[in-house]
Amino acid sequence: MQKLKQANLYRSELIPISGKLVERYNKCLVKLGFTETKLTSFSIDGIGWSPEIAEEKDEVFYLNNGEANPHAILITPLQKGLPIYNFFHSFDLDLMKLVFKTHNEKINNITRDSAICVDFDQGIDVFYEPLDVLKYKDVNISFRLIDDLDKAKEEQLQLIEIFNKDNNFIDENLHQQLLTSAKKYGDLRERDVSLEPIIYTSDSFYTKAFGGIYLLRNFITPILIFEDRETYKEAINDTTFDVLMFHVSQPELITQLKDHVIIECNLEEEVGSKRYERIKNFIFGEVLKETQHPINEILKDKMLFKSYLNKIDINTRKKVMSIERYLDKKQLDKNTKVKDIVDEEFYVALHKPHSSLRANHQDLIWKLLINIAPKDVLFWYWYDKENFYKNFNNWPESKQDWVIETICNNF
């Protein structure tokens, strides 16, 4: 990962946490029903998740009380706009944007000397079976402050009200209560520490529950796409709901997505595009073994590319150049079929979300397509960072160099 870190491509926007903020973070963990961290310093992302604490606890989703109950921790206004490096739902970033859009000033105020526990409640206490994800609709976002700062303000105001009545200003016991409250919490009279709940209405989304499920709504028929094969086998036996169900590896999935006008592919338009070149280079790089030149040089230099293309076996060569071969043959014979010439994996990788989809739906479909055919390293990095990181470690160094350069050149 050192190469990615040097290129600012590995969790580069995490916020370092130490000192008093660690104490506040631990209070949030306890308030949410978790155990404290023993670390004296760590880093967090936009939702308050820390890779160091996840490693310490040996639990990636340590901010979840079961798959149905995710949480967030806010301890600094600097979390506003930060990436979420290990989201549980694809809409987690939208949730945090809504939180800061609604309560930005209050969060700035409260986190001066306190911290906020955030609960995302979709009305499901526990998941029992895969199709429970269909119950997702409204997410109620509620807030709790450490040290019960909101309750402390109410008590402080009540004490002041009593103090101002009759001759209570001479009551030494009342003086002491006011001083104790002020020393502990400061003067809360003018501070707005009340965070009203927010409702977020979910749409199509991806969740990591049950091994990973995509739920595509607002189409002809709702579509569920499962990453885990055992979960898929369990779900297809449930006839309670009228939904289409697929495993992510099923070839029929691409056909259904095209029929539902969710994805599209125009090979004539794609050839010559930067995305096409990235995908073709990546596929070529996968088959290069024990080369005389570094892979990154081969993929960047046209002469070297042609040289090594002619060194590989004929079937692999046809795979790498299958799109261009198909388009050439189609000019001569319009009845030429894609499936007869084009490598299926290459073809799937060139699909994209349909242009009619809303921006948030397009992002979700990009993630799905990358999951099905992870061949475009740029979009792989954008839409599935954790999986990208895992695979990056297994690539030869020269291929890693090409990947980093490709990503950096497209920012």
Foldseek 3Di string as FASTA:
>chain_A
DVVCVVLCLPLNPWAKDADPLLVQVQLLCVVLPHHRDPDRMFTAALQRQTPVVCVVVVHRQRQAPAQQKHKGKFQALSSPPTDHPDDQKLCPNVVSNVQCVQCVVLSHQQNVNWMKIKIWHQPDPYDDADCVVVSGWKTKIDIAIRVRLVVLLVVLVVLVVQCPPDPNVVVVVSVVVNVVSCVVRNNCPPRDNDDDIDIDTDAWMWGCPPNIWTWHPPWPFIEIEHADPVSQVRVVVDPPDPHHYYYLQDPVVVVVCVVRLFKDFDLVVQPPDPQLLQLLLQLVLVPDDPDPDQSLCCSVDPVSVVVVLVVDDPVSNQASCQSVVQVVVCVVPVPRDSVVGYDPLSRLLRMATRPPDDPSSRLRVLLSSCVNRVRRLQSCSVNPVVVSVVVLVVDPPSVNVNSSVSNVVVD
